[in-house]
N, C-alpha and C. Protein backbone atom coordinates (compact mmCIF):
# COMPACT_ATOMS: atom_id res chain seq x y z
N MET A 1 -5.51 -14.05 3.28
CA MET A 1 -4.77 -12.84 3.57
C MET A 1 -3.89 -13.08 4.79
N THR A 2 -2.83 -12.38 4.86
CA THR A 2 -1.90 -12.53 5.96
C THR A 2 -2.03 -11.33 6.88
N ASP A 3 -2.17 -11.58 8.18
CA ASP A 3 -2.30 -10.52 9.16
C ASP A 3 -1.04 -10.52 10.01
N ALA A 4 -0.19 -9.54 9.84
CA ALA A 4 1.03 -9.45 10.63
C ALA A 4 1.05 -8.11 11.34
N VAL A 5 1.14 -8.13 12.65
CA VAL A 5 1.20 -6.91 13.45
C VAL A 5 2.49 -6.96 14.24
N ILE A 6 3.21 -5.86 14.24
CA ILE A 6 4.49 -5.79 14.94
C ILE A 6 4.37 -4.77 16.04
N ALA A 7 4.67 -5.16 17.26
CA ALA A 7 4.60 -4.24 18.39
C ALA A 7 5.90 -3.45 18.49
N LYS A 8 5.79 -2.16 18.72
CA LYS A 8 6.96 -1.29 18.76
C LYS A 8 7.87 -1.60 19.94
N ASP A 9 7.29 -1.96 21.08
CA ASP A 9 8.08 -2.16 22.29
C ASP A 9 8.94 -3.41 22.25
N SER A 10 8.55 -4.41 21.50
CA SER A 10 9.24 -5.69 21.56
C SER A 10 10.57 -5.70 20.84
N ALA A 11 10.79 -4.86 19.85
CA ALA A 11 12.03 -4.90 19.08
C ALA A 11 12.44 -3.49 18.69
N GLU A 12 13.07 -2.78 19.59
CA GLU A 12 13.42 -1.38 19.34
C GLU A 12 14.35 -1.23 18.14
N HIS A 13 15.29 -2.14 17.97
CA HIS A 13 16.22 -2.02 16.86
C HIS A 13 15.49 -2.16 15.52
N PHE A 14 14.42 -2.90 15.48
CA PHE A 14 13.63 -3.04 14.25
C PHE A 14 13.09 -1.69 13.81
N TRP A 15 12.58 -0.88 14.75
CA TRP A 15 12.00 0.40 14.41
C TRP A 15 13.06 1.38 13.93
N GLY A 16 14.26 1.23 14.39
CA GLY A 16 15.35 2.05 13.86
C GLY A 16 15.58 1.76 12.39
N ARG A 17 15.50 0.48 12.03
CA ARG A 17 15.67 0.08 10.62
C ARG A 17 14.49 0.59 9.79
N VAL A 18 13.29 0.56 10.36
CA VAL A 18 12.11 1.05 9.63
C VAL A 18 12.25 2.54 9.36
N ARG A 19 12.68 3.29 10.38
CA ARG A 19 12.86 4.74 10.20
C ARG A 19 13.91 5.04 9.14
N SER A 20 15.00 4.28 9.16
CA SER A 20 16.04 4.53 8.16
C SER A 20 15.55 4.14 6.76
N ALA A 21 14.75 3.08 6.66
CA ALA A 21 14.20 2.68 5.35
C ALA A 21 13.23 3.74 4.84
N LEU A 22 12.38 4.29 5.72
CA LEU A 22 11.46 5.35 5.31
C LEU A 22 12.23 6.61 4.93
N GLY A 23 13.32 6.87 5.65
CA GLY A 23 14.15 8.02 5.29
C GLY A 23 14.78 7.85 3.93
N ALA A 24 15.08 6.60 3.56
CA ALA A 24 15.66 6.34 2.24
C ALA A 24 14.63 6.53 1.13
N LEU A 25 13.34 6.55 1.47
CA LEU A 25 12.31 6.73 0.46
C LEU A 25 12.15 8.18 0.00
N ARG A 26 12.79 9.09 0.70
CA ARG A 26 12.68 10.49 0.32
C ARG A 26 13.23 10.66 -1.10
N PRO A 27 12.62 11.55 -1.85
CA PRO A 27 13.07 11.74 -3.24
C PRO A 27 14.52 12.20 -3.30
N VAL A 28 15.25 11.65 -4.23
CA VAL A 28 16.64 12.02 -4.44
C VAL A 28 16.66 13.34 -5.20
N ARG A 29 17.45 14.28 -4.74
CA ARG A 29 17.45 15.62 -5.32
C ARG A 29 18.21 15.69 -6.64
N GLN A 30 19.24 14.85 -6.80
CA GLN A 30 20.02 14.93 -8.02
C GLN A 30 19.26 14.30 -9.18
N GLU A 31 19.36 14.91 -10.32
CA GLU A 31 18.66 14.44 -11.52
C GLU A 31 19.47 13.32 -12.15
N ARG A 32 18.84 12.17 -12.33
CA ARG A 32 19.51 11.05 -12.97
C ARG A 32 19.27 11.10 -14.46
N MET A 33 20.21 10.58 -15.20
CA MET A 33 20.08 10.51 -16.65
C MET A 33 19.10 9.40 -17.01
N PRO A 34 18.02 9.70 -17.72
CA PRO A 34 17.04 8.67 -18.06
C PRO A 34 17.62 7.65 -19.04
N ALA A 35 17.21 6.40 -18.85
CA ALA A 35 17.66 5.33 -19.74
C ALA A 35 17.04 5.55 -21.12
N TYR A 36 17.86 5.75 -22.12
CA TYR A 36 17.43 5.93 -23.51
C TYR A 36 16.44 7.07 -23.67
N GLY A 37 16.41 7.98 -22.71
CA GLY A 37 15.54 9.13 -22.81
C GLY A 37 14.06 8.85 -22.57
N GLN A 38 13.70 7.63 -22.18
CA GLN A 38 12.29 7.27 -22.03
C GLN A 38 11.63 8.03 -20.89
N ALA A 39 12.31 8.17 -19.77
CA ALA A 39 11.71 8.86 -18.62
C ALA A 39 11.47 10.32 -18.95
N ALA A 40 12.41 10.96 -19.63
CA ALA A 40 12.25 12.36 -20.00
C ALA A 40 11.09 12.52 -20.98
N ILE A 41 10.96 11.61 -21.90
CA ILE A 41 9.86 11.67 -22.87
C ILE A 41 8.54 11.51 -22.14
N ALA A 42 8.46 10.57 -21.19
CA ALA A 42 7.22 10.34 -20.45
C ALA A 42 6.82 11.59 -19.67
N ARG A 43 7.79 12.27 -19.08
CA ARG A 43 7.48 13.49 -18.34
C ARG A 43 6.98 14.58 -19.27
N GLN A 44 7.55 14.67 -20.46
CA GLN A 44 7.17 15.73 -21.38
C GLN A 44 5.75 15.55 -21.91
N ILE A 45 5.33 14.31 -22.15
CA ILE A 45 4.00 14.11 -22.72
C ILE A 45 2.95 13.86 -21.65
N GLY A 46 3.32 13.95 -20.38
CA GLY A 46 2.35 13.90 -19.29
C GLY A 46 1.86 12.52 -18.94
N MET A 47 2.66 11.50 -19.14
CA MET A 47 2.25 10.15 -18.77
C MET A 47 2.22 10.02 -17.26
N LYS A 48 1.45 9.06 -16.78
CA LYS A 48 1.35 8.83 -15.34
C LYS A 48 2.70 8.36 -14.79
N PRO A 49 3.03 8.76 -13.56
CA PRO A 49 4.26 8.26 -12.95
C PRO A 49 4.11 6.78 -12.60
N ARG A 50 5.22 6.09 -12.48
CA ARG A 50 5.18 4.68 -12.12
C ARG A 50 4.51 4.51 -10.77
N LEU A 51 3.89 3.34 -10.57
CA LEU A 51 3.16 3.09 -9.33
C LEU A 51 4.09 3.12 -8.12
N GLY A 52 5.31 2.64 -8.28
CA GLY A 52 6.26 2.67 -7.18
C GLY A 52 6.49 4.09 -6.69
N ALA A 53 6.53 5.02 -7.62
CA ALA A 53 6.71 6.43 -7.24
C ALA A 53 5.48 6.93 -6.50
N ARG A 54 4.31 6.47 -6.90
CA ARG A 54 3.07 6.89 -6.22
C ARG A 54 3.03 6.33 -4.79
N ILE A 55 3.43 5.08 -4.62
CA ILE A 55 3.47 4.49 -3.28
C ILE A 55 4.49 5.23 -2.42
N GLU A 56 5.63 5.51 -2.99
CA GLU A 56 6.67 6.24 -2.27
C GLU A 56 6.17 7.62 -1.85
N GLU A 57 5.47 8.29 -2.74
CA GLU A 57 4.92 9.61 -2.44
C GLU A 57 3.87 9.52 -1.33
N GLU A 58 3.02 8.51 -1.39
CA GLU A 58 1.98 8.32 -0.37
C GLU A 58 2.59 8.03 1.01
N LEU A 59 3.60 7.16 1.05
CA LEU A 59 4.26 6.83 2.31
C LEU A 59 4.98 8.04 2.90
N THR A 60 5.67 8.77 2.05
CA THR A 60 6.40 9.95 2.51
C THR A 60 5.43 11.00 3.05
N GLY A 61 4.34 11.23 2.32
CA GLY A 61 3.34 12.20 2.78
C GLY A 61 2.70 11.80 4.10
N ALA A 62 2.37 10.52 4.24
CA ALA A 62 1.75 10.04 5.48
C ALA A 62 2.74 10.15 6.65
N ARG A 63 3.98 9.80 6.39
CA ARG A 63 5.00 9.87 7.46
C ARG A 63 5.22 11.31 7.89
N GLU A 64 5.31 12.22 6.93
CA GLU A 64 5.52 13.63 7.26
C GLU A 64 4.31 14.22 8.00
N ALA A 65 3.11 13.86 7.56
CA ALA A 65 1.90 14.35 8.24
C ALA A 65 1.84 13.84 9.67
N SER A 66 2.19 12.59 9.87
CA SER A 66 2.19 12.01 11.22
C SER A 66 3.26 12.65 12.09
N ALA A 67 4.43 12.88 11.50
CA ALA A 67 5.51 13.49 12.28
C ALA A 67 5.16 14.93 12.68
N GLN A 68 4.56 15.69 11.77
CA GLN A 68 4.19 17.07 12.09
C GLN A 68 3.12 17.13 13.17
N ALA A 69 2.18 16.20 13.13
CA ALA A 69 1.11 16.18 14.12
C ALA A 69 1.53 15.49 15.42
N GLY A 70 2.66 14.79 15.39
CA GLY A 70 3.14 14.08 16.58
C GLY A 70 2.29 12.86 16.92
N VAL A 71 1.76 12.22 15.90
CA VAL A 71 0.91 11.04 16.10
C VAL A 71 1.52 9.85 15.39
N SER A 72 0.96 8.69 15.68
CA SER A 72 1.48 7.47 15.08
C SER A 72 0.94 7.28 13.67
N MET A 73 1.63 6.47 12.91
CA MET A 73 1.21 6.13 11.56
C MET A 73 1.21 4.62 11.44
N SER A 74 0.20 4.10 10.79
CA SER A 74 0.14 2.66 10.55
C SER A 74 0.21 2.40 9.05
N LEU A 75 0.70 1.24 8.72
CA LEU A 75 0.84 0.84 7.33
C LEU A 75 0.26 -0.56 7.19
N LEU A 76 -0.70 -0.70 6.30
CA LEU A 76 -1.26 -2.02 6.02
C LEU A 76 -0.71 -2.49 4.68
N VAL A 77 -0.18 -3.67 4.67
CA VAL A 77 0.24 -4.33 3.43
C VAL A 77 -0.59 -5.59 3.34
N ILE A 78 -1.45 -5.64 2.35
CA ILE A 78 -2.43 -6.73 2.22
C ILE A 78 -2.11 -7.49 0.94
N GLU A 79 -2.08 -8.80 1.05
CA GLU A 79 -1.75 -9.62 -0.11
C GLU A 79 -2.80 -10.70 -0.31
N ILE A 80 -3.13 -10.95 -1.56
CA ILE A 80 -4.06 -12.02 -1.89
C ILE A 80 -3.28 -13.32 -1.91
N ASP A 81 -3.69 -14.26 -1.06
CA ASP A 81 -3.03 -15.56 -1.04
C ASP A 81 -3.42 -16.38 -2.26
N ARG A 82 -2.52 -17.22 -2.70
CA ARG A 82 -2.75 -18.15 -3.82
C ARG A 82 -3.17 -17.45 -5.11
N TYR A 83 -2.58 -16.31 -5.36
CA TYR A 83 -2.88 -15.54 -6.57
C TYR A 83 -2.55 -16.36 -7.82
N ARG A 84 -1.40 -16.99 -7.84
CA ARG A 84 -0.98 -17.75 -9.04
C ARG A 84 -1.90 -18.92 -9.33
N GLU A 85 -2.34 -19.61 -8.28
CA GLU A 85 -3.26 -20.72 -8.48
C GLU A 85 -4.59 -20.23 -9.01
N TYR A 86 -5.07 -19.11 -8.49
CA TYR A 86 -6.32 -18.51 -8.97
C TYR A 86 -6.19 -18.14 -10.45
N PHE A 87 -5.05 -17.54 -10.79
CA PHE A 87 -4.79 -17.15 -12.17
C PHE A 87 -4.77 -18.37 -13.08
N ALA A 88 -4.12 -19.45 -12.63
CA ALA A 88 -4.03 -20.67 -13.44
C ALA A 88 -5.40 -21.31 -13.64
N CYS A 89 -6.25 -21.26 -12.65
CA CYS A 89 -7.57 -21.89 -12.75
C CYS A 89 -8.58 -21.05 -13.53
N TYR A 90 -8.61 -19.74 -13.29
CA TYR A 90 -9.69 -18.91 -13.81
C TYR A 90 -9.29 -17.99 -14.95
N GLY A 91 -8.00 -17.80 -15.18
CA GLY A 91 -7.56 -16.95 -16.28
C GLY A 91 -7.41 -15.49 -15.90
N LYS A 92 -6.90 -14.73 -16.87
CA LYS A 92 -6.56 -13.33 -16.62
C LYS A 92 -7.78 -12.46 -16.33
N GLY A 93 -8.84 -12.60 -17.09
CA GLY A 93 -10.02 -11.76 -16.91
C GLY A 93 -10.63 -11.89 -15.53
N ALA A 94 -10.85 -13.13 -15.10
CA ALA A 94 -11.44 -13.37 -13.79
C ALA A 94 -10.50 -12.93 -12.67
N THR A 95 -9.21 -13.12 -12.87
CA THR A 95 -8.23 -12.71 -11.87
C THR A 95 -8.20 -11.19 -11.74
N ASP A 96 -8.23 -10.49 -12.87
CA ASP A 96 -8.27 -9.02 -12.82
C ASP A 96 -9.54 -8.53 -12.13
N ASP A 97 -10.67 -9.17 -12.42
CA ASP A 97 -11.92 -8.80 -11.75
C ASP A 97 -11.82 -9.02 -10.25
N CYS A 98 -11.23 -10.14 -9.85
CA CYS A 98 -11.06 -10.45 -8.43
C CYS A 98 -10.18 -9.41 -7.75
N VAL A 99 -9.06 -9.07 -8.37
CA VAL A 99 -8.14 -8.09 -7.79
C VAL A 99 -8.82 -6.73 -7.66
N MET A 100 -9.56 -6.32 -8.68
CA MET A 100 -10.25 -5.03 -8.62
C MET A 100 -11.35 -5.03 -7.56
N THR A 101 -12.04 -6.17 -7.38
CA THR A 101 -13.06 -6.27 -6.34
C THR A 101 -12.42 -6.16 -4.96
N VAL A 102 -11.29 -6.84 -4.76
CA VAL A 102 -10.59 -6.77 -3.48
C VAL A 102 -10.12 -5.34 -3.22
N MET A 103 -9.59 -4.70 -4.24
CA MET A 103 -9.10 -3.33 -4.08
C MET A 103 -10.25 -2.37 -3.74
N GLN A 104 -11.39 -2.54 -4.38
CA GLN A 104 -12.54 -1.70 -4.09
C GLN A 104 -13.08 -1.95 -2.69
N THR A 105 -13.07 -3.22 -2.27
CA THR A 105 -13.52 -3.58 -0.92
C THR A 105 -12.62 -2.93 0.13
N ILE A 106 -11.32 -2.95 -0.11
CA ILE A 106 -10.37 -2.31 0.81
C ILE A 106 -10.64 -0.81 0.85
N ALA A 107 -10.78 -0.19 -0.32
CA ALA A 107 -11.01 1.26 -0.38
C ALA A 107 -12.32 1.64 0.32
N ASP A 108 -13.36 0.83 0.17
CA ASP A 108 -14.64 1.12 0.82
C ASP A 108 -14.56 1.02 2.34
N ALA A 109 -13.64 0.21 2.86
CA ALA A 109 -13.52 0.02 4.31
C ALA A 109 -12.64 1.06 4.98
N LEU A 110 -11.94 1.88 4.21
CA LEU A 110 -11.03 2.86 4.81
C LEU A 110 -11.82 3.96 5.51
N PRO A 111 -11.34 4.40 6.69
CA PRO A 111 -12.12 5.33 7.52
C PRO A 111 -12.19 6.77 7.02
N HIS A 112 -11.17 7.24 6.30
CA HIS A 112 -11.15 8.63 5.84
C HIS A 112 -11.22 8.69 4.32
N ASP A 113 -11.83 9.73 3.82
CA ASP A 113 -11.96 9.88 2.37
C ASP A 113 -10.63 10.04 1.66
N ASP A 114 -9.64 10.62 2.35
CA ASP A 114 -8.35 10.84 1.70
C ASP A 114 -7.40 9.64 1.83
N ASP A 115 -7.79 8.58 2.53
CA ASP A 115 -6.99 7.36 2.58
C ASP A 115 -7.13 6.64 1.25
N THR A 116 -6.02 6.13 0.73
CA THR A 116 -6.06 5.45 -0.56
C THR A 116 -5.45 4.07 -0.46
N CYS A 117 -5.98 3.19 -1.28
CA CYS A 117 -5.44 1.84 -1.40
C CYS A 117 -4.67 1.79 -2.71
N LEU A 118 -3.38 1.50 -2.63
CA LEU A 118 -2.54 1.44 -3.82
C LEU A 118 -2.11 0.00 -4.08
N ARG A 119 -2.09 -0.37 -5.33
CA ARG A 119 -1.69 -1.72 -5.71
C ARG A 119 -0.19 -1.75 -5.93
N MET A 120 0.46 -2.72 -5.32
CA MET A 120 1.90 -2.89 -5.45
C MET A 120 2.15 -4.31 -5.96
N GLY A 121 2.48 -4.44 -7.20
CA GLY A 121 2.67 -5.77 -7.76
C GLY A 121 1.36 -6.36 -8.21
N ARG A 122 1.33 -7.66 -8.35
CA ARG A 122 0.15 -8.32 -8.89
C ARG A 122 -0.97 -8.48 -7.87
N ALA A 123 -0.62 -8.83 -6.64
CA ALA A 123 -1.65 -9.18 -5.66
C ALA A 123 -1.40 -8.56 -4.30
N THR A 124 -0.71 -7.44 -4.26
CA THR A 124 -0.37 -6.80 -2.99
C THR A 124 -0.90 -5.37 -3.01
N PHE A 125 -1.45 -4.96 -1.88
CA PHE A 125 -2.01 -3.62 -1.74
C PHE A 125 -1.36 -2.94 -0.54
N VAL A 126 -1.15 -1.63 -0.64
CA VAL A 126 -0.53 -0.85 0.42
C VAL A 126 -1.48 0.27 0.81
N VAL A 127 -1.67 0.43 2.12
CA VAL A 127 -2.50 1.52 2.64
C VAL A 127 -1.71 2.20 3.75
N ALA A 128 -1.41 3.48 3.57
CA ALA A 128 -0.75 4.27 4.61
C ALA A 128 -1.83 5.01 5.38
N LEU A 129 -1.79 4.87 6.71
CA LEU A 129 -2.83 5.43 7.57
C LEU A 129 -2.20 6.37 8.59
N PRO A 130 -2.07 7.67 8.24
CA PRO A 130 -1.56 8.61 9.24
C PRO A 130 -2.58 8.79 10.35
N ASP A 131 -2.09 9.04 11.54
CA ASP A 131 -2.93 9.25 12.72
C ASP A 131 -3.81 8.04 13.03
N MET A 132 -3.22 6.85 12.91
CA MET A 132 -3.96 5.64 13.26
C MET A 132 -3.05 4.75 14.11
N PRO A 133 -3.40 4.59 15.39
CA PRO A 133 -2.62 3.71 16.26
C PRO A 133 -2.71 2.25 15.81
N VAL A 134 -1.78 1.46 16.28
CA VAL A 134 -1.67 0.06 15.82
C VAL A 134 -2.92 -0.76 16.16
N LEU A 135 -3.52 -0.53 17.31
CA LEU A 135 -4.72 -1.30 17.66
C LEU A 135 -5.89 -0.98 16.74
N MET A 136 -6.03 0.29 16.38
CA MET A 136 -7.08 0.66 15.44
C MET A 136 -6.78 0.11 14.05
N ALA A 137 -5.51 0.09 13.67
CA ALA A 137 -5.13 -0.48 12.37
C ALA A 137 -5.40 -1.98 12.34
N ARG A 138 -5.15 -2.65 13.44
CA ARG A 138 -5.44 -4.09 13.51
C ARG A 138 -6.94 -4.34 13.37
N THR A 139 -7.74 -3.53 14.04
CA THR A 139 -9.20 -3.65 13.93
C THR A 139 -9.66 -3.38 12.50
N LEU A 140 -9.08 -2.38 11.87
CA LEU A 140 -9.41 -2.08 10.47
C LEU A 140 -9.02 -3.23 9.56
N ALA A 141 -7.84 -3.83 9.79
CA ALA A 141 -7.41 -4.98 8.98
C ALA A 141 -8.38 -6.15 9.14
N GLN A 142 -8.87 -6.37 10.35
CA GLN A 142 -9.85 -7.44 10.57
C GLN A 142 -11.17 -7.12 9.87
N LYS A 143 -11.55 -5.85 9.89
CA LYS A 143 -12.79 -5.43 9.20
C LYS A 143 -12.64 -5.65 7.69
N ILE A 144 -11.48 -5.31 7.13
CA ILE A 144 -11.23 -5.51 5.70
C ILE A 144 -11.26 -6.99 5.35
N THR A 145 -10.62 -7.81 6.19
CA THR A 145 -10.62 -9.25 5.96
C THR A 145 -12.04 -9.80 5.96
N GLY A 146 -12.84 -9.38 6.93
CA GLY A 146 -14.23 -9.84 6.99
C GLY A 146 -15.03 -9.42 5.78
N ALA A 147 -14.80 -8.19 5.31
CA ALA A 147 -15.53 -7.70 4.14
C ALA A 147 -15.15 -8.48 2.88
N ILE A 148 -13.88 -8.84 2.76
CA ILE A 148 -13.43 -9.59 1.59
C ILE A 148 -13.95 -11.02 1.62
N LEU A 149 -14.00 -11.60 2.82
CA LEU A 149 -14.43 -13.00 2.94
C LEU A 149 -15.94 -13.17 2.93
N GLN A 150 -16.70 -12.09 2.93
CA GLN A 150 -18.16 -12.17 2.92
C GLN A 150 -18.64 -12.85 1.65
N PRO A 151 -19.56 -13.79 1.78
CA PRO A 151 -20.12 -14.41 0.58
C PRO A 151 -20.85 -13.39 -0.28
N GLY A 152 -20.69 -13.52 -1.59
CA GLY A 152 -21.39 -12.64 -2.51
C GLY A 152 -20.63 -11.40 -2.90
N THR A 153 -19.42 -11.21 -2.36
CA THR A 153 -18.66 -10.02 -2.76
C THR A 153 -17.93 -10.24 -4.06
N GLY A 154 -17.83 -11.48 -4.50
CA GLY A 154 -17.15 -11.77 -5.76
C GLY A 154 -15.66 -11.97 -5.59
N ALA A 155 -15.13 -11.79 -4.40
CA ALA A 155 -13.70 -11.96 -4.21
C ALA A 155 -13.36 -13.38 -3.86
């Protein structure tokens, strides 16, 4: 797993870009024409929204909750290293089991019941943590890493 922590004080211009990127995640108000009508059909029959939309919704909600409360928000992006090699050696079934075990381990380590671990792509997980300072998020990331690396967890 990769542990990357960015300090706010060291690169002020970076945080301006982060704020503008998060602002770009807000839902677009204008209705777009669905490609071949598939999106409209999916909405009508009640299919689940795409995962990207769920991540976007989670990030927007966490950012708004943090802004209203005047507290900091942390974001953990966790990736399984060597996913492709694992897939090549053990196959799809074992890889899916591994990914689900890692996801469950992350979810079990989260401090609040309403915190969620969302899967983004094949081997990447996103956790938005409103009201969590960076030092506490770093400690949580270390706790998650330790739980995943524990022998016998199946990961």
